[in-house]
């Protein structure tokens, strides 16, 4: 229960802190899209760095895992936004979910990259 409350609180703090300057729903939606694009770019940078450190077998496994993760992320966020179907807040919910999931994945990949860098240095 505590984790649910923390997650719920973090979601709203993230949503409202990143959209603080936005005044309209359209501006808040655009801010959420921009935040997702930044998160996605960061993920791709870390992913490419990690790929360079891997053997061919590991690369193939990571590519498969990443494709599966993208499917999971997209379906998870599609589910979360469905509650707001037809509402003007729906894009904000969707892109905030994408951003949060993407940031979490980036942290996972960075940890793997850091572990490999520390192991081989």
PDB file of N, CA and C in Angstrom:
ATOM      1  N   UNK A   1       0.829  -1.183   0.000  1.00  0.00           N
ATOM      2  CA  UNK A   1       0.000   0.000   0.000  1.00  0.00           C
ATOM      3  C   UNK A   1       0.874   1.247   0.000  1.00  0.00           C
ATOM      4  N   UNK A   2       1.954   1.200   0.799  1.00  0.00           N
ATOM      5  CA  UNK A   2       2.873   2.333   0.882  1.00  0.00           C
ATOM      6  C   UNK A   2       3.509   2.609  -0.477  1.00  0.00           C
ATOM      7  N   UNK A   3       3.891   1.539  -1.188  1.00  0.00           N
ATOM      8  CA  UNK A   3       4.496   1.697  -2.512  1.00  0.00           C
ATOM      9  C   UNK A   3       3.519   2.306  -3.502  1.00  0.00           C
ATOM     10  N   UNK A   4       2.266   1.928  -3.406  1.00  0.00           N
ATOM     11  CA  UNK A   4       1.252   2.472  -4.302  1.00  0.00           C
ATOM     12  C   UNK A   4       1.095   3.964  -4.054  1.00  0.00           C
ATOM     13  N   UNK A   5       1.027   4.349  -2.793  1.00  0.00           N
ATOM     14  CA  UNK A   5       0.900   5.765  -2.454  1.00  0.00           C
ATOM     15  C   UNK A   5       2.121   6.558  -2.904  1.00  0.00           C
ATOM     16  N   UNK A   6       3.308   5.988  -2.721  1.00  0.00           N
ATOM     17  CA  UNK A   6       4.521   6.663  -3.171  1.00  0.00           C
ATOM     18  C   UNK A   6       4.536   6.805  -4.682  1.00  0.00           C
ATOM     19  N   UNK A   7       4.140   5.768  -5.394  1.00  0.00           N
ATOM     20  CA  UNK A   7       4.102   5.822  -6.851  1.00  0.00           C
ATOM     21  C   UNK A   7       3.099   6.848  -7.334  1.00  0.00           C
ATOM     22  N   UNK A   8       1.933   6.842  -6.706  1.00  0.00           N
ATOM     23  CA  UNK A   8       0.880   7.792  -7.064  1.00  0.00           C
ATOM     24  C   UNK A   8       1.354   9.225  -6.823  1.00  0.00           C
ATOM     25  N   UNK A   9       1.987   9.447  -5.689  1.00  0.00           N
ATOM     26  CA  UNK A   9       2.503  10.779  -5.357  1.00  0.00           C
ATOM     27  C   UNK A   9       3.592  11.200  -6.334  1.00  0.00           C
ATOM     28  N   UNK A  10       4.495  10.290  -6.644  1.00  0.00           N
ATOM     29  CA  UNK A  10       5.578  10.594  -7.576  1.00  0.00           C
ATOM     30  C   UNK A  10       5.027  10.934  -8.951  1.00  0.00           C
ATOM     31  N   UNK A  11       4.005  10.197  -9.383  1.00  0.00           N
ATOM     32  CA  UNK A  11       3.392  10.452 -10.685  1.00  0.00           C
ATOM     33  C   UNK A  11       2.870  11.882 -10.748  1.00  0.00           C
ATOM     34  N   UNK A  12       2.119  12.282  -9.732  1.00  0.00           N
ATOM     35  CA  UNK A  12       1.538  13.618  -9.761  1.00  0.00           C
ATOM     36  C   UNK A  12       2.582  14.708  -9.562  1.00  0.00           C
ATOM     37  N   UNK A  13       3.581  14.467  -8.715  1.00  0.00           N
ATOM     38  CA  UNK A  13       4.650  15.452  -8.569  1.00  0.00           C
ATOM     39  C   UNK A  13       5.397  15.631  -9.876  1.00  0.00           C
ATOM     40  N   UNK A  14       5.698  14.517 -10.545  1.00  0.00           N
ATOM     41  CA  UNK A  14       6.397  14.583 -11.822  1.00  0.00           C
ATOM     42  C   UNK A  14       5.543  15.316 -12.851  1.00  0.00           C
ATOM     43  N   UNK A  15       4.283  14.945 -12.928  1.00  0.00           N
ATOM     44  CA  UNK A  15       3.381  15.542 -13.904  1.00  0.00           C
ATOM     45  C   UNK A  15       3.268  17.040 -13.701  1.00  0.00           C
ATOM     46  N   UNK A  16       3.035  17.437 -12.481  1.00  0.00           N
ATOM     47  CA  UNK A  16       2.785  18.850 -12.238  1.00  0.00           C
ATOM     48  C   UNK A  16       4.060  19.666 -12.173  1.00  0.00           C
ATOM     49  N   UNK A  17       5.174  19.069 -11.781  1.00  0.00           N
ATOM     50  CA  UNK A  17       6.419  19.831 -11.759  1.00  0.00           C
ATOM     51  C   UNK A  17       6.929  20.100 -13.167  1.00  0.00           C
ATOM     52  N   UNK A  18       6.733  19.168 -14.069  1.00  0.00           N
ATOM     53  CA  UNK A  18       7.213  19.364 -15.433  1.00  0.00           C
ATOM     54  C   UNK A  18       6.273  20.217 -16.252  1.00  0.00           C
ATOM     55  N   UNK A  19       5.067  20.384 -15.765  1.00  0.00           N
ATOM     56  CA  UNK A  19       4.098  21.191 -16.508  1.00  0.00           C
ATOM     57  C   UNK A  19       3.771  22.484 -15.764  1.00  0.00           C
ATOM     58  N   UNK A  20       4.598  22.854 -14.813  1.00  0.00           N
ATOM     59  CA  UNK A  20       4.331  24.005 -13.973  1.00  0.00           C
ATOM     60  C   UNK A  20       4.154  25.284 -14.780  1.00  0.00           C
ATOM     61  N   UNK A  21       4.949  25.462 -15.807  1.00  0.00           N
ATOM     62  CA  UNK A  21       4.865  26.678 -16.601  1.00  0.00           C
ATOM     63  C   UNK A  21       3.759  26.618 -17.648  1.00  0.00           C
ATOM     64  N   UNK A  22       3.294  25.445 -17.946  1.00  0.00           N
ATOM     65  CA  UNK A  22       2.234  25.302 -18.939  1.00  0.00           C
ATOM     66  C   UNK A  22       0.910  25.767 -18.329  1.00  0.00           C
ATOM     67  N   UNK A  23       0.131  26.475 -19.121  1.00  0.00           N
ATOM     68  CA  UNK A  23      -1.114  27.036 -18.624  1.00  0.00           C
ATOM     69  C   UNK A  23      -2.348  26.303 -19.130  1.00  0.00           C
ATOM     70  N   UNK A  24      -2.303  25.799 -20.334  1.00  0.00           N
ATOM     71  CA  UNK A  24      -3.463  25.123 -20.901  1.00  0.00           C
ATOM     72  C   UNK A  24      -3.195  23.628 -20.975  1.00  0.00           C
ATOM     73  N   UNK A  25      -4.259  22.865 -21.162  1.00  0.00           N
ATOM     74  CA  UNK A  25      -4.085  21.419 -21.290  1.00  0.00           C
ATOM     75  C   UNK A  25      -3.221  21.093 -22.499  1.00  0.00           C
ATOM     76  N   UNK A  26      -3.413  21.820 -23.584  1.00  0.00           N
ATOM     77  CA  UNK A  26      -2.609  21.589 -24.786  1.00  0.00           C
ATOM     78  C   UNK A  26      -1.123  21.840 -24.498  1.00  0.00           C
ATOM     79  N   UNK A  27      -0.814  22.880 -23.727  1.00  0.00           N
ATOM     80  CA  UNK A  27       0.581  23.158 -23.375  1.00  0.00           C
ATOM     81  C   UNK A  27       1.142  22.075 -22.459  1.00  0.00           C
ATOM     82  N   UNK A  28       0.323  21.627 -21.518  1.00  0.00           N
ATOM     83  CA  UNK A  28       0.773  20.553 -20.634  1.00  0.00           C
ATOM     84  C   UNK A  28       1.008  19.264 -21.426  1.00  0.00           C
ATOM     85  N   UNK A  29       0.126  18.987 -22.372  1.00  0.00           N
ATOM     86  CA  UNK A  29       0.301  17.800 -23.220  1.00  0.00           C
ATOM     87  C   UNK A  29       1.591  17.906 -24.020  1.00  0.00           C
ATOM     88  N   UNK A  30       1.851  19.085 -24.591  1.00  0.00           N
ATOM     89  CA  UNK A  30       3.065  19.266 -25.383  1.00  0.00           C
ATOM     90  C   UNK A  30       4.307  19.142 -24.519  1.00  0.00           C
ATOM     91  N   UNK A  31       4.253  19.658 -23.308  1.00  0.00           N
ATOM     92  CA  UNK A  31       5.376  19.517 -22.381  1.00  0.00           C
ATOM     93  C   UNK A  31       5.641  18.043 -22.086  1.00  0.00           C
ATOM     94  N   UNK A  32       4.580  17.281 -21.889  1.00  0.00           N
ATOM     95  CA  UNK A  32       4.733  15.843 -21.634  1.00  0.00           C
ATOM     96  C   UNK A  32       5.359  15.136 -22.835  1.00  0.00           C
ATOM     97  N   UNK A  33       4.949  15.520 -24.039  1.00  0.00           N
ATOM     98  CA  UNK A  33       5.545  14.945 -25.263  1.00  0.00           C
ATOM     99  C   UNK A  33       7.022  15.299 -25.337  1.00  0.00           C
ATOM    100  N   UNK A  34       7.350  16.549 -25.062  1.00  0.00           N
ATOM    101  CA  UNK A  34       8.752  16.978 -25.090  1.00  0.00           C
ATOM    102  C   UNK A  34       9.585  16.228 -24.053  1.00  0.00           C
ATOM    103  N   UNK A  35       9.016  16.042 -22.864  1.00  0.00           N
ATOM    104  CA  UNK A  35       9.716  15.290 -21.812  1.00  0.00           C
ATOM    105  C   UNK A  35       9.972  13.853 -22.245  1.00  0.00           C
ATOM    106  N   UNK A  36       8.987  13.252 -22.900  1.00  0.00           N
ATOM    107  CA  UNK A  36       9.180  11.888 -23.385  1.00  0.00           C
ATOM    108  C   UNK A  36      10.281  11.841 -24.444  1.00  0.00           C
ATOM    109  N   UNK A  37      10.276  12.794 -25.369  1.00  0.00           N
ATOM    110  CA  UNK A  37      11.310  12.808 -26.410  1.00  0.00           C
ATOM    111  C   UNK A  37      12.706  12.917 -25.818  1.00  0.00           C
ATOM    112  N   UNK A  38      12.856  13.742 -24.787  1.00  0.00           N
ATOM    113  CA  UNK A  38      14.153  13.864 -24.103  1.00  0.00           C
ATOM    114  C   UNK A  38      14.536  12.540 -23.450  1.00  0.00           C
ATOM    115  N   UNK A  39      13.579  11.923 -22.766  1.00  0.00           N
ATOM    116  CA  UNK A  39      13.850  10.647 -22.093  1.00  0.00           C
ATOM    117  C   UNK A  39      14.207   9.568 -23.107  1.00  0.00           C
ATOM    118  N   UNK A  40      13.505   9.554 -24.227  1.00  0.00           N
ATOM    119  CA  UNK A  40      13.763   8.556 -25.268  1.00  0.00           C
ATOM    120  C   UNK A  40      15.149   8.754 -25.887  1.00  0.00           C
ATOM    121  N   UNK A  41      15.542   9.996 -26.094  1.00  0.00           N
ATOM    122  CA  UNK A  41      16.880  10.270 -26.628  1.00  0.00           C
ATOM    123  C   UNK A  41      17.957   9.796 -25.664  1.00  0.00           C
ATOM    124  N   UNK A  42      17.752  10.053 -24.376  1.00  0.00           N
ATOM    125  CA  UNK A  42      18.716   9.605 -23.369  1.00  0.00           C
ATOM    126  C   UNK A  42      18.800   8.074 -23.343  1.00  0.00           C
ATOM    127  N   UNK A  43      17.653   7.423 -23.410  1.00  0.00           N
ATOM    128  CA  UNK A  43      17.630   5.963 -23.445  1.00  0.00           C
ATOM    129  C   UNK A  43      18.430   5.442 -24.629  1.00  0.00           C
ATOM    130  N   UNK A  44      18.229   6.018 -25.789  1.00  0.00           N
ATOM    131  CA  UNK A  44      18.931   5.560 -26.987  1.00  0.00           C
ATOM    132  C   UNK A  44      20.435   5.753 -26.880  1.00  0.00           C
ATOM    133  N   UNK A  45      20.875   6.846 -26.262  1.00  0.00           N
ATOM    134  CA  UNK A  45      22.314   7.063 -26.064  1.00  0.00           C
ATOM    135  C   UNK A  45      22.918   5.987 -25.168  1.00  0.00           C
ATOM    136  N   UNK A  46      22.260   5.711 -24.055  1.00  0.00           N
ATOM    137  CA  UNK A  46      22.763   4.703 -23.121  1.00  0.00           C
ATOM    138  C   UNK A  46      22.725   3.321 -23.763  1.00  0.00           C
ATOM    139  N   UNK A  47      21.649   3.023 -24.472  1.00  0.00           N
ATOM    140  CA  UNK A  47      21.494   1.737 -25.155  1.00  0.00           C
ATOM    141  C   UNK A  47      22.642   1.517 -26.147  1.00  0.00           C
ATOM    142  N   UNK A  48      22.965   2.532 -26.924  1.00  0.00           N
ATOM    143  CA  UNK A  48      24.049   2.413 -27.913  1.00  0.00           C
ATOM    144  C   UNK A  48      25.407   2.225 -27.235  1.00  0.00           C
ATOM    145  N   UNK A  49      25.622   2.931 -26.126  1.00  0.00           N
ATOM    146  CA  UNK A  49      26.879   2.753 -25.385  1.00  0.00           C
ATOM    147  C   UNK A  49      26.993   1.336 -24.850  1.00  0.00           C
ATOM    148  N   UNK A  50      25.900   0.818 -24.333  1.00  0.00           N
ATOM    149  CA  UNK A  50      25.909  -0.536 -23.791  1.00  0.00           C
ATOM    150  C   UNK A  50      26.158  -1.560 -24.893  1.00  0.00           C
ATOM    151  N   UNK A  51      25.506  -1.382 -26.031  1.00  0.00           N
ATOM    152  CA  UNK A  51      25.699  -2.326 -27.138  1.00  0.00           C
ATOM    153  C   UNK A  51      27.173  -2.465 -27.517  1.00  0.00           C
ATOM    154  N   UNK A  52      27.919  -1.379 -27.443  1.00  0.00           N
ATOM    155  CA  UNK A  52      29.341  -1.402 -27.807  1.00  0.00           C
ATOM    156  C   UNK A  52      30.174  -2.265 -26.862  1.00  0.00           C
ATOM    157  N   UNK A  53      29.664  -2.510 -25.683  1.00  0.00           N
ATOM    158  CA  UNK A  53      30.405  -3.282 -24.670  1.00  0.00           C
ATOM    159  C   UNK A  53      30.101  -4.778 -24.714  1.00  0.00           C
ATOM    160  N   UNK A  54      29.152  -5.182 -25.545  1.00  0.00           N
ATOM    161  CA  UNK A  54      28.638  -6.546 -25.494  1.00  0.00           C
ATOM    162  C   UNK A  54      29.224  -7.453 -26.561  1.00  0.00           C
ATOM    163  N   UNK A  55      29.203  -8.744 -26.261  1.00  0.00           N
ATOM    164  CA  UNK A  55      29.536  -9.757 -27.262  1.00  0.00           C
ATOM    165  C   UNK A  55      28.359  -9.866 -28.231  1.00  0.00           C
ATOM    166  N   UNK A  56      28.536 -10.566 -29.307  1.00  0.00           N
ATOM    167  CA  UNK A  56      27.445 -10.739 -30.283  1.00  0.00           C
ATOM    168  C   UNK A  56      26.232 -11.411 -29.652  1.00  0.00           C
ATOM    169  N   UNK A  57      26.472 -12.438 -28.862  1.00  0.00           N
ATOM    170  CA  UNK A  57      25.362 -13.129 -28.212  1.00  0.00           C
ATOM    171  C   UNK A  57      24.619 -12.188 -27.265  1.00  0.00           C
ATOM    172  N   UNK A  58      25.376 -11.422 -26.478  1.00  0.00           N
ATOM    173  CA  UNK A  58      24.761 -10.474 -25.552  1.00  0.00           C
ATOM    174  C   UNK A  58      23.989  -9.387 -26.311  1.00  0.00           C
ATOM    175  N   UNK A  59      24.544  -8.922 -27.418  1.00  0.00           N
ATOM    176  CA  UNK A  59      23.855  -7.918 -28.233  1.00  0.00           C
ATOM    177  C   UNK A  59      22.501  -8.442 -28.696  1.00  0.00           C
ATOM    178  N   UNK A  60      22.490  -9.660 -29.212  1.00  0.00           N
ATOM    179  CA  UNK A  60      21.241 -10.255 -29.686  1.00  0.00           C
ATOM    180  C   UNK A  60      20.221 -10.371 -28.560  1.00  0.00           C
ATOM    181  N   UNK A  61      20.684 -10.764 -27.382  1.00  0.00           N
ATOM    182  CA  UNK A  61      19.785 -10.875 -26.236  1.00  0.00           C
ATOM    183  C   UNK A  61      19.250  -9.506 -25.812  1.00  0.00           C
ATOM    184  N   UNK A  62      20.121  -8.492 -25.818  1.00  0.00           N
ATOM    185  CA  UNK A  62      19.682  -7.151 -25.437  1.00  0.00           C
ATOM    186  C   UNK A  62      18.693  -6.589 -26.455  1.00  0.00           C
ATOM    187  N   UNK A  63      18.957  -6.787 -27.734  1.00  0.00           N
ATOM    188  CA  UNK A  63      18.037  -6.300 -28.766  1.00  0.00           C
ATOM    189  C   UNK A  63      16.659  -6.935 -28.585  1.00  0.00           C
ATOM    190  N   UNK A  64      16.624  -8.231 -28.331  1.00  0.00           N
ATOM    191  CA  UNK A  64      15.346  -8.916 -28.093  1.00  0.00           C
ATOM    192  C   UNK A  64      14.669  -8.371 -26.840  1.00  0.00           C
ATOM    193  N   UNK A  65      15.437  -8.215 -25.769  1.00  0.00           N
ATOM    194  CA  UNK A  65      14.882  -7.690 -24.524  1.00  0.00           C
ATOM    195  C   UNK A  65      14.335  -6.278 -24.723  1.00  0.00           C
ATOM    196  N   UNK A  66      15.056  -5.467 -25.480  1.00  0.00           N
ATOM    197  CA  UNK A  66      14.628  -4.090 -25.693  1.00  0.00           C
ATOM    198  C   UNK A  66      13.335  -4.031 -26.510  1.00  0.00           C
ATOM    199  N   UNK A  67      13.252  -4.865 -27.521  1.00  0.00           N
ATOM    200  CA  UNK A  67      12.016  -4.914 -28.322  1.00  0.00           C
ATOM    201  C   UNK A  67      10.836  -5.347 -27.453  1.00  0.00           C
ATOM    202  N   UNK A  68      11.061  -6.347 -26.608  1.00  0.00           N
ATOM    203  CA  UNK A  68      10.002  -6.804 -25.706  1.00  0.00           C
ATOM    204  C   UNK A  68       9.647  -5.725 -24.686  1.00  0.00           C
ATOM    205  N   UNK A  69      10.655  -5.016 -24.191  1.00  0.00           N
ATOM    206  CA  UNK A  69      10.398  -3.955 -23.225  1.00  0.00           C
ATOM    207  C   UNK A  69       9.557  -2.834 -23.866  1.00  0.00           C
ATOM    208  N   UNK A  70       9.876  -2.465 -25.098  1.00  0.00           N
ATOM    209  CA  UNK A  70       9.113  -1.415 -25.787  1.00  0.00           C
ATOM    210  C   UNK A  70       7.652  -1.831 -25.943  1.00  0.00           C
ATOM    211  N   UNK A  71       7.432  -3.090 -26.306  1.00  0.00           N
ATOM    212  CA  UNK A  71       6.052  -3.583 -26.418  1.00  0.00           C
ATOM    213  C   UNK A  71       5.342  -3.493 -25.071  1.00  0.00           C
ATOM    214  N   UNK A  72       6.034  -3.890 -24.008  1.00  0.00           N
ATOM    215  CA  UNK A  72       5.451  -3.824 -22.669  1.00  0.00           C
ATOM    216  C   UNK A  72       5.145  -2.386 -22.286  1.00  0.00           C
ATOM    217  N   UNK A  73       6.120  -1.497 -22.464  1.00  0.00           N
ATOM    218  CA  UNK A  73       5.927  -0.089 -22.104  1.00  0.00           C
ATOM    219  C   UNK A  73       4.736   0.510 -22.835  1.00  0.00           C
ATOM    220  N   UNK A  74       4.694   0.285 -24.133  1.00  0.00           N
ATOM    221  CA  UNK A  74       3.619   0.867 -24.943  1.00  0.00           C
ATOM    222  C   UNK A  74       2.256   0.319 -24.550  1.00  0.00           C
ATOM    223  N   UNK A  75       2.174  -0.974 -24.284  1.00  0.00           N
ATOM    224  CA  UNK A  75       0.881  -1.543 -23.899  1.00  0.00           C
ATOM    225  C   UNK A  75       0.490  -1.120 -22.487  1.00  0.00           C
ATOM    226  N   UNK A  76       1.453  -1.006 -21.587  1.00  0.00           N
ATOM    227  CA  UNK A  76       1.185  -0.528 -20.225  1.00  0.00           C
ATOM    228  C   UNK A  76       0.621   0.883 -20.260  1.00  0.00           C
ATOM    229  N   UNK A  77       1.231   1.750 -21.038  1.00  0.00           N
ATOM    230  CA  UNK A  77       0.793   3.140 -21.092  1.00  0.00           C
ATOM    231  C   UNK A  77      -0.521   3.289 -21.851  1.00  0.00           C
ATOM    232  N   UNK A  78      -0.749   2.432 -22.833  1.00  0.00           N
ATOM    233  CA  UNK A  78      -2.049   2.436 -23.520  1.00  0.00           C
ATOM    234  C   UNK A  78      -3.152   2.060 -22.532  1.00  0.00           C
ATOM    235  N   UNK A  79      -2.855   1.099 -21.677  1.00  0.00           N
ATOM    236  CA  UNK A  79      -3.816   0.716 -20.642  1.00  0.00           C
ATOM    237  C   UNK A  79      -4.083   1.873 -19.687  1.00  0.00           C
ATOM    238  N   UNK A  80      -3.021   2.528 -19.229  1.00  0.00           N
ATOM    239  CA  UNK A  80      -3.178   3.624 -18.270  1.00  0.00           C
ATOM    240  C   UNK A  80      -3.957   4.799 -18.843  1.00  0.00           C
ATOM    241  N   UNK A  81      -3.765   5.090 -20.114  1.00  0.00           N
ATOM    242  CA  UNK A  81      -4.468   6.239 -20.694  1.00  0.00           C
ATOM    243  C   UNK A  81      -5.932   5.926 -21.002  1.00  0.00           C
ATOM    244  N   UNK A  82      -6.278   4.659 -21.102  1.00  0.00           N
ATOM    245  CA  UNK A  82      -7.635   4.277 -21.494  1.00  0.00           C
ATOM    246  C   UNK A  82      -8.687   4.796 -20.519  1.00  0.00           C
ATOM    247  N   UNK A  83      -8.328   4.892 -19.255  1.00  0.00           N
ATOM    248  CA  UNK A  83      -9.262   5.404 -18.255  1.00  0.00           C
ATOM    249  C   UNK A  83      -9.721   6.828 -18.590  1.00  0.00           C
ATOM    250  N   UNK A  84      -8.896   7.540 -19.342  1.00  0.00           N
ATOM    251  CA  UNK A  84      -9.186   8.935 -19.687  1.00  0.00           C
ATOM    252  C   UNK A  84      -9.603   9.087 -21.149  1.00  0.00           C
ATOM    253  N   UNK A  85     -10.072   8.000 -21.744  1.00  0.00           N
ATOM    254  CA  UNK A  85     -10.446   7.988 -23.156  1.00  0.00           C
ATOM    255  C   UNK A  85     -11.411   9.130 -23.475  1.00  0.00           C
ATOM    256  N   UNK A  86     -11.053   9.924 -24.454  1.00  0.00           N
ATOM    257  CA  UNK A  86     -11.885  11.047 -24.876  1.00  0.00           C
ATOM    258  C   UNK A  86     -11.617  12.326 -24.118  1.00  0.00           C
ATOM    259  N   UNK A  87     -10.825  12.246 -23.066  1.00  0.00           N
ATOM    260  CA  UNK A  87     -10.534  13.439 -22.270  1.00  0.00           C
ATOM    261  C   UNK A  87      -9.290  14.157 -22.770  1.00  0.00           C
ATOM    262  N   UNK A  88      -9.248  15.443 -22.543  1.00  0.00           N
ATOM    263  CA  UNK A  88      -8.112  16.237 -23.014  1.00  0.00           C
ATOM    264  C   UNK A  88      -6.832  15.939 -22.230  1.00  0.00           C
ATOM    265  N   UNK A  89      -6.964  15.314 -21.068  1.00  0.00           N
ATOM    266  CA  UNK A  89      -5.797  14.963 -20.261  1.00  0.00           C
ATOM    267  C   UNK A  89      -5.144  13.653 -20.729  1.00  0.00           C
ATOM    268  N   UNK A  90      -5.817  12.911 -21.588  1.00  0.00           N
ATOM    269  CA  UNK A  90      -5.327  11.598 -22.000  1.00  0.00           C
ATOM    270  C   UNK A  90      -3.890  11.634 -22.537  1.00  0.00           C
ATOM    271  N   UNK A  91      -3.533  12.588 -23.420  1.00  0.00           N
ATOM    272  CA  UNK A  91      -2.135  12.613 -23.877  1.00  0.00           C
ATOM    273  C   UNK A  91      -1.136  12.863 -22.745  1.00  0.00           C
ATOM    274  N   UNK A  92      -1.519  13.681 -21.785  1.00  0.00           N
ATOM    275  CA  UNK A  92      -0.641  13.942 -20.649  1.00  0.00           C
ATOM    276  C   UNK A  92      -0.394  12.661 -19.861  1.00  0.00           C
ATOM    277  N   UNK A  93      -1.441  11.913 -19.608  1.00  0.00           N
ATOM    278  CA  UNK A  93      -1.320  10.644 -18.889  1.00  0.00           C
ATOM    279  C   UNK A  93      -0.435   9.683 -19.673  1.00  0.00           C
ATOM    280  N   UNK A  94      -0.690   9.567 -20.964  1.00  0.00           N
ATOM    281  CA  UNK A  94       0.043   8.628 -21.819  1.00  0.00           C
ATOM    282  C   UNK A  94       1.536   8.972 -21.884  1.00  0.00           C
ATOM    283  N   UNK A  95       1.847  10.212 -22.197  1.00  0.00           N
ATOM    284  CA  UNK A  95       3.254  10.581 -22.367  1.00  0.00           C
ATOM    285  C   UNK A  95       4.001  10.649 -21.036  1.00  0.00           C
ATOM    286  N   UNK A  96       3.309  10.947 -19.968  1.00  0.00           N
ATOM    287  CA  UNK A  96       3.944  10.894 -18.656  1.00  0.00           C
ATOM    288  C   UNK A  96       4.298   9.453 -18.305  1.00  0.00           C
ATOM    289  N   UNK A  97       3.403   8.535 -18.606  1.00  0.00           N
ATOM    290  CA  UNK A  97       3.676   7.114 -18.393  1.00  0.00           C
ATOM    291  C   UNK A  97       4.869   6.662 -19.231  1.00  0.00           C
ATOM    292  N   UNK A  98       4.881   7.035 -20.511  1.00  0.00           N
ATOM    293  CA  UNK A  98       6.005   6.671 -21.382  1.00  0.00           C
ATOM    294  C   UNK A  98       7.320   7.209 -20.830  1.00  0.00           C
ATOM    295  N   UNK A  99       7.288   8.437 -20.357  1.00  0.00           N
ATOM    296  CA  UNK A  99       8.499   9.064 -19.823  1.00  0.00           C
ATOM    297  C   UNK A  99       8.982   8.336 -18.572  1.00  0.00           C
ATOM    298  N   UNK A 100       8.074   8.054 -17.662  1.00  0.00           N
ATOM    299  CA  UNK A 100       8.463   7.366 -16.428  1.00  0.00           C
ATOM    300  C   UNK A 100       9.039   5.986 -16.718  1.00  0.00           C
ATOM    301  N   UNK A 101       8.390   5.238 -17.575  1.00  0.00           N
ATOM    302  CA  UNK A 101       8.884   3.903 -17.930  1.00  0.00           C
ATOM    303  C   UNK A 101      10.243   3.994 -18.616  1.00  0.00           C
ATOM    304  N   UNK A 102      10.384   4.957 -19.509  1.00  0.00           N
ATOM    305  CA  UNK A 102      11.631   5.131 -20.252  1.00  0.00           C
ATOM    306  C   UNK A 102      12.761   5.532 -19.307  1.00  0.00           C
ATOM    307  N   UNK A 103      12.483   6.425 -18.372  1.00  0.00           N
ATOM    308  CA  UNK A 103      13.507   6.811 -17.394  1.00  0.00           C
ATOM    309  C   UNK A 103      13.926   5.620 -16.536  1.00  0.00           C
ATOM    310  N   UNK A 104      12.972   4.793 -16.155  1.00  0.00           N
ATOM    311  CA  UNK A 104      13.295   3.590 -15.380  1.00  0.00           C
ATOM    312  C   UNK A 104      14.174   2.641 -16.188  1.00  0.00           C
ATOM    313  N   UNK A 105      13.840   2.466 -17.453  1.00  0.00           N
ATOM    314  CA  UNK A 105      14.636   1.580 -18.315  1.00  0.00           C
ATOM    315  C   UNK A 105      16.040   2.139 -18.505  1.00  0.00           C
ATOM    316  N   UNK A 106      16.143   3.444 -18.662  1.00  0.00           N
ATOM    317  CA  UNK A 106      17.456   4.069 -18.810  1.00  0.00           C
ATOM    318  C   UNK A 106      18.308   3.818 -17.576  1.00  0.00           C
ATOM    319  N   UNK A 107      17.710   3.924 -16.399  1.00  0.00           N
ATOM    320  CA  UNK A 107      18.437   3.636 -15.155  1.00  0.00           C
ATOM    321  C   UNK A 107      18.937   2.198 -15.146  1.00  0.00           C
ATOM    322  N   UNK A 108      18.095   1.267 -15.586  1.00  0.00           N
ATOM    323  CA  UNK A 108      18.497  -0.145 -15.639  1.00  0.00           C
ATOM    324  C   UNK A 108      19.678  -0.342 -16.585  1.00  0.00           C
ATOM    325  N   UNK A 109      19.589   0.257 -17.758  1.00  0.00           N
ATOM    326  CA  UNK A 109      20.673   0.105 -18.735  1.00  0.00           C
ATOM    327  C   UNK A 109      21.948   0.787 -18.255  1.00  0.00           C
ATOM    328  N   UNK A 110      21.812   1.954 -17.609  1.00  0.00           N
ATOM    329  CA  UNK A 110      22.991   2.639 -17.065  1.00  0.00           C
ATOM    330  C   UNK A 110      23.667   1.795 -15.996  1.00  0.00           C
ATOM    331  N   UNK A 111      22.870   1.153 -15.163  1.00  0.00           N
ATOM    332  CA  UNK A 111      23.435   0.293 -14.125  1.00  0.00           C
ATOM    333  C   UNK A 111      24.222  -0.848 -14.761  1.00  0.00           C
ATOM    334  N   UNK A 112      23.655  -1.446 -15.796  1.00  0.00           N
ATOM    335  CA  UNK A 112      24.350  -2.524 -16.491  1.00  0.00           C
ATOM    336  C   UNK A 112      25.638  -2.002 -17.115  1.00  0.00           C
ATOM    337  N   UNK A 113      25.583  -0.836 -17.739  1.00  0.00           N
ATOM    338  CA  UNK A 113      26.764  -0.237 -18.354  1.00  0.00           C
ATOM    339  C   UNK A 113      27.817   0.079 -17.292  1.00  0.00           C
ATOM    340  N   UNK A 114      27.394   0.666 -16.185  1.00  0.00           N
ATOM    341  CA  UNK A 114      28.330   0.988 -15.100  1.00  0.00           C
ATOM    342  C   UNK A 114      28.965  -0.273 -14.531  1.00  0.00           C
ATOM    343  N   UNK A 115      28.164  -1.316 -14.341  1.00  0.00           N
ATOM    344  CA  UNK A 115      28.698  -2.578 -13.835  1.00  0.00           C
ATOM    345  C   UNK A 115      29.774  -3.123 -14.773  1.00  0.00           C
ATOM    346  N   UNK A 116      29.511  -3.058 -16.055  1.00  0.00           N
ATOM    347  CA  UNK A 116      30.489  -3.551 -17.029  1.00  0.00           C
ATOM    348  C   UNK A 116      31.737  -2.689 -17.045  1.00  0.00           C
ATOM    349  N   UNK A 117      31.560  -1.378 -16.962  1.00  0.00           N
ATOM    350  CA  UNK A 117      32.709  -0.468 -16.949  1.00  0.00           C
ATOM    351  C   UNK A 117      33.566  -0.704 -15.706  1.00  0.00           C
ATOM    352  N   UNK A 118      32.928  -0.927 -14.573  1.00  0.00           N
ATOM    353  CA  UNK A 118      33.663  -1.157 -13.325  1.00  0.00           C
ATOM    354  C   UNK A 118      34.344  -2.520 -13.326  1.00  0.00           C
ATOM    355  N   UNK A 119      33.710  -3.497 -13.948  1.00  0.00           N
ATOM    356  CA  UNK A 119      34.263  -4.852 -13.993  1.00  0.00           C
ATOM    357  C   UNK A 119      35.522  -4.908 -14.852  1.00  0.00           C
ATOM    358  N   UNK A 120      35.550  -4.128 -15.907  1.00  0.00           N
ATOM    359  CA  UNK A 120      36.655  -4.234 -16.863  1.00  0.00           C
ATOM    360  C   UNK A 120      37.692  -3.128 -16.697  1.00  0.00           C
ATOM    361  N   UNK A 121      37.557  -2.309 -15.668  1.00  0.00           N
ATOM    362  CA  UNK A 121      38.561  -1.248 -15.436  1.00  0.00           C
ATOM    363  C   UNK A 121      39.529  -1.635 -14.345  1.00  0.00           C
TER     364      UNK A 121
END
